[in-house]
C-alpha atoms as a PDB file:
ATOM      1  CA  MET A   1     -85.478 -53.874 125.770  1.00  0.00           C
ATOM      2  CA  GLY A   2     -82.830 -54.954 123.368  1.00  0.00           C
ATOM      3  CA  ASP A   3     -82.458 -54.555 119.594  1.00  0.00           C
ATOM      4  CA  GLU A   4     -84.791 -57.356 118.849  1.00  0.00           C
ATOM      5  CA  ALA A   5     -87.695 -55.733 120.696  1.00  0.00           C
ATOM      6  CA  THR A   6     -87.004 -52.022 120.053  1.00  0.00           C
ATOM      7  CA  THR A   7     -88.094 -50.322 116.936  1.00  0.00           C
ATOM      8  CA  LEU A   8     -86.562 -47.146 115.447  1.00  0.00           C
ATOM      9  CA  ALA A   9     -89.748 -45.326 116.048  1.00  0.00           C
ATOM     10  CA  ASP A  10     -89.465 -46.258 119.765  1.00  0.00           C
ATOM     11  CA  LEU A  11     -86.025 -44.753 119.947  1.00  0.00           C
ATOM     12  CA  LYS A  12     -87.040 -41.541 118.106  1.00  0.00           C
ATOM     13  CA  GLU A  13     -89.834 -41.198 120.570  1.00  0.00           C
ATOM     14  CA  ALA A  14     -87.645 -41.791 123.535  1.00  0.00           C
ATOM     15  CA  VAL A  15     -85.052 -39.146 122.368  1.00  0.00           C
ATOM     16  CA  GLN A  16     -87.783 -36.698 121.538  1.00  0.00           C
ATOM     17  CA  ALA A  17     -89.268 -37.005 124.981  1.00  0.00           C
ATOM     18  CA  PHE A  18     -86.003 -36.732 126.745  1.00  0.00           C
ATOM     19  CA  VAL A  19     -85.163 -33.500 124.772  1.00  0.00           C
ATOM     20  CA  ARG A  20     -88.657 -31.984 125.178  1.00  0.00           C
ATOM     21  CA  GLU A  21     -88.600 -32.691 128.979  1.00  0.00           C
ATOM     22  CA  ARG A  22     -85.436 -30.636 129.226  1.00  0.00           C
ATOM     23  CA  ASP A  23     -86.636 -27.869 126.850  1.00  0.00           C
ATOM     24  CA  TRP A  24     -83.467 -28.474 124.732  1.00  0.00           C
ATOM     25  CA  GLU A  25     -85.113 -28.343 121.321  1.00  0.00           C
ATOM     26  CA  ARG A  26     -84.211 -24.620 121.075  1.00  0.00           C
ATOM     27  CA  PHE A  27     -80.421 -25.537 121.071  1.00  0.00           C
ATOM     28  CA  HIS A  28     -80.726 -28.359 118.648  1.00  0.00           C
ATOM     29  CA  SER A  29     -80.155 -26.728 115.360  1.00  0.00           C
ATOM     30  CA  PRO A  30     -78.692 -28.777 112.503  1.00  0.00           C
ATOM     31  CA  LYS A  31     -75.462 -26.935 112.852  1.00  0.00           C
ATOM     32  CA  ASN A  32     -75.240 -27.681 116.644  1.00  0.00           C
ATOM     33  CA  LEU A  33     -76.198 -31.309 116.325  1.00  0.00           C
ATOM     34  CA  SER A  34     -73.744 -31.983 113.560  1.00  0.00           C
ATOM     35  CA  MET A  35     -70.995 -30.462 115.737  1.00  0.00           C
ATOM     36  CA  ALA A  36     -72.161 -32.641 118.702  1.00  0.00           C
ATOM     37  CA  LEU A  37     -72.003 -35.772 116.446  1.00  0.00           C
ATOM     38  CA  ALA A  38     -68.503 -34.891 115.310  1.00  0.00           C
ATOM     39  CA  ALA A  39     -67.398 -34.237 118.970  1.00  0.00           C
ATOM     40  CA  GLU A  40     -68.909 -37.582 120.115  1.00  0.00           C
ATOM     41  CA  ALA A  41     -67.261 -39.408 117.230  1.00  0.00           C
ATOM     42  CA  GLY A  42     -63.969 -37.928 118.365  1.00  0.00           C
ATOM     43  CA  GLU A  43     -64.629 -39.261 121.922  1.00  0.00           C
ATOM     44  CA  LEU A  44     -65.269 -42.640 120.481  1.00  0.00           C
ATOM     45  CA  MET A  45     -62.031 -42.625 118.515  1.00  0.00           C
ATOM     46  CA  GLU A  46     -60.038 -41.510 121.426  1.00  0.00           C
ATOM     47  CA  HIS A  47     -60.689 -44.966 123.113  1.00  0.00           C
ATOM     48  CA  PHE A  48     -58.805 -46.648 120.442  1.00  0.00           C
ATOM     49  CA  LEU A  49     -55.967 -44.169 119.950  1.00  0.00           C
ATOM     50  CA  TRP A  50     -52.620 -46.260 119.621  1.00  0.00           C
ATOM     51  CA  ASP A  51     -54.436 -49.652 119.966  1.00  0.00           C
ATOM     52  CA  ASP A  52     -53.628 -52.426 117.506  1.00  0.00           C
ATOM     53  CA  ASP A  53     -56.445 -54.323 115.882  1.00  0.00           C
ATOM     54  CA  THR A  54     -56.683 -57.046 118.604  1.00  0.00           C
ATOM     55  CA  GLU A  55     -56.791 -54.429 121.396  1.00  0.00           C
ATOM     56  CA  SER A  56     -59.359 -52.356 119.599  1.00  0.00           C
ATOM     57  CA  HIS A  57     -61.653 -55.398 119.358  1.00  0.00           C
ATOM     58  CA  ARG A  58     -61.275 -56.116 123.108  1.00  0.00           C
ATOM     59  CA  ARG A  59     -61.859 -52.519 123.874  1.00  0.00           C
ATOM     60  CA  ALA A  60     -64.925 -52.155 121.755  1.00  0.00           C
ATOM     61  CA  ALA A  61     -66.843 -54.551 123.949  1.00  0.00           C
ATOM     62  CA  GLY A  62     -66.566 -52.210 126.915  1.00  0.00           C
ATOM     63  CA  GLU A  63     -69.265 -50.124 128.573  1.00  0.00           C
ATOM     64  CA  ALA A  64     -67.373 -46.770 127.877  1.00  0.00           C
ATOM     65  CA  VAL A  65     -67.368 -47.472 124.128  1.00  0.00           C
ATOM     66  CA  ALA A  66     -70.958 -48.479 124.210  1.00  0.00           C
ATOM     67  CA  ASP A  67     -71.734 -45.132 125.953  1.00  0.00           C
ATOM     68  CA  GLU A  68     -69.940 -43.134 123.364  1.00  0.00           C
ATOM     69  CA  LEU A  69     -71.599 -45.068 120.413  1.00  0.00           C
ATOM     70  CA  ALA A  70     -75.008 -44.347 122.280  1.00  0.00           C
ATOM     71  CA  ASP A  71     -74.220 -40.663 122.381  1.00  0.00           C
ATOM     72  CA  ILE A  72     -73.498 -40.623 118.608  1.00  0.00           C
ATOM     73  CA  ILE A  73     -76.704 -42.421 117.770  1.00  0.00           C
ATOM     74  CA  ILE A  74     -78.808 -40.340 120.153  1.00  0.00           C
ATOM     75  CA  TYR A  75     -77.490 -37.199 118.445  1.00  0.00           C
ATOM     76  CA  ALA A  76     -78.097 -38.648 115.054  1.00  0.00           C
ATOM     77  CA  ILE A  77     -81.744 -39.578 116.045  1.00  0.00           C
ATOM     78  CA  GLU A  78     -82.261 -36.090 117.327  1.00  0.00           C
ATOM     79  CA  PHE A  79     -80.858 -34.664 114.168  1.00  0.00           C
ATOM     80  CA  ALA A  80     -83.389 -36.730 112.214  1.00  0.00           C
ATOM     81  CA  ASN A  81     -86.143 -35.607 114.579  1.00  0.00           C
ATOM     82  CA  ILE A  82     -85.641 -31.891 114.165  1.00  0.00           C
ATOM     83  CA  SER A  83     -84.913 -32.225 110.470  1.00  0.00           C
ATOM     84  CA  GLY A  84     -87.896 -34.365 109.616  1.00  0.00           C
ATOM     85  CA  ILE A  85     -85.591 -37.160 108.168  1.00  0.00           C
ATOM     86  CA  ASP A  86     -87.191 -40.598 108.109  1.00  0.00           C
ATOM     87  CA  LEU A  87     -84.180 -42.630 109.039  1.00  0.00           C
ATOM     88  CA  ALA A  88     -85.361 -45.972 107.866  1.00  0.00           C
ATOM     89  CA  THR A  89     -86.020 -44.493 104.397  1.00  0.00           C
ATOM     90  CA  ALA A  90     -82.763 -42.580 104.337  1.00  0.00           C
ATOM     91  CA  ILE A  91     -80.694 -45.666 105.371  1.00  0.00           C
ATOM     92  CA  ARG A  92     -82.358 -47.949 102.762  1.00  0.00           C
ATOM     93  CA  SER A  93     -81.803 -45.279 100.094  1.00  0.00           C
ATOM     94  CA  LYS A  94     -78.205 -44.885 101.071  1.00  0.00           C
ATOM     95  CA  MET A  95     -77.709 -48.608 101.069  1.00  0.00           C
ATOM     96  CA  VAL A  96     -78.952 -48.828  97.400  1.00  0.00           C
ATOM     97  CA  LYS A  97     -76.564 -45.970  96.507  1.00  0.00           C
ATOM     98  CA  ASN A  98     -73.701 -47.825  98.217  1.00  0.00           C
ATOM     99  CA  ALA A  99     -74.528 -51.062  96.452  1.00  0.00           C
ATOM    100  CA  GLY A 100     -74.095 -49.113  93.138  1.00  0.00           C
ATOM    101  CA  LYS A 101     -70.797 -47.744  94.259  1.00  0.00           C
ATOM    102  CA  TYR A 102     -69.473 -50.964  95.590  1.00  0.00           C
ATOM    103  CA  PRO A 103     -70.694 -53.813  93.452  1.00  0.00           C
ATOM    104  CA  VAL A 104     -69.928 -57.224  95.176  1.00  0.00           C
ATOM    105  CA  GLU A 105     -67.876 -58.477  92.328  1.00  0.00           C
ATOM    106  CA  LYS A 106     -65.496 -55.472  92.697  1.00  0.00           C
ATOM    107  CA  ALA A 107     -65.677 -54.713  96.431  1.00  0.00           C
ATOM    108  CA  ARG A 108     -65.754 -58.161  98.101  1.00  0.00           C
ATOM    109  CA  GLY A 109     -62.673 -58.348 100.332  1.00  0.00           C
ATOM    110  CA  ASN A 110     -61.431 -55.115  99.140  1.00  0.00           C
ATOM    111  CA  SER A 111     -61.022 -51.991 101.250  1.00  0.00           C
ATOM    112  CA  ARG A 112     -60.374 -49.497  98.478  1.00  0.00           C
ATOM    113  CA  LYS A 113     -62.745 -46.563  98.001  1.00  0.00           C
ATOM    114  CA  TYR A 114     -65.401 -46.929  95.133  1.00  0.00           C
ATOM    115  CA  THR A 115     -63.377 -44.441  92.932  1.00  0.00           C
ATOM    116  CA  GLU A 116     -60.445 -46.874  93.062  1.00  0.00           C
ATOM    117  CA  LEU A 117     -62.280 -50.196  92.341  1.00  0.00           C
END
């Protein structure tokens, strides 16, 4: 099932079932999961090391990059599962905060950090 047919709740349940079947919950502290997230992000970045923008766009469509991104999202979902974070609420809340930091009239077409707008 693709993005259009899969809910965030479906993914959270699938990750939780995968982890429980393997009795991995005891290893999944916030500390360990945050480190796993950082390690996977590093693995994702490694695919683009020394690429120019055009090459990075080409490479981003590949299966290896999709696998690394999936690992990052899986760990993020597991972090939410063990921490009791409602991801949909957290994402919506953060988007509201980001909108305040990056108002359209100042941020549109601008890559500077909000403190520099």
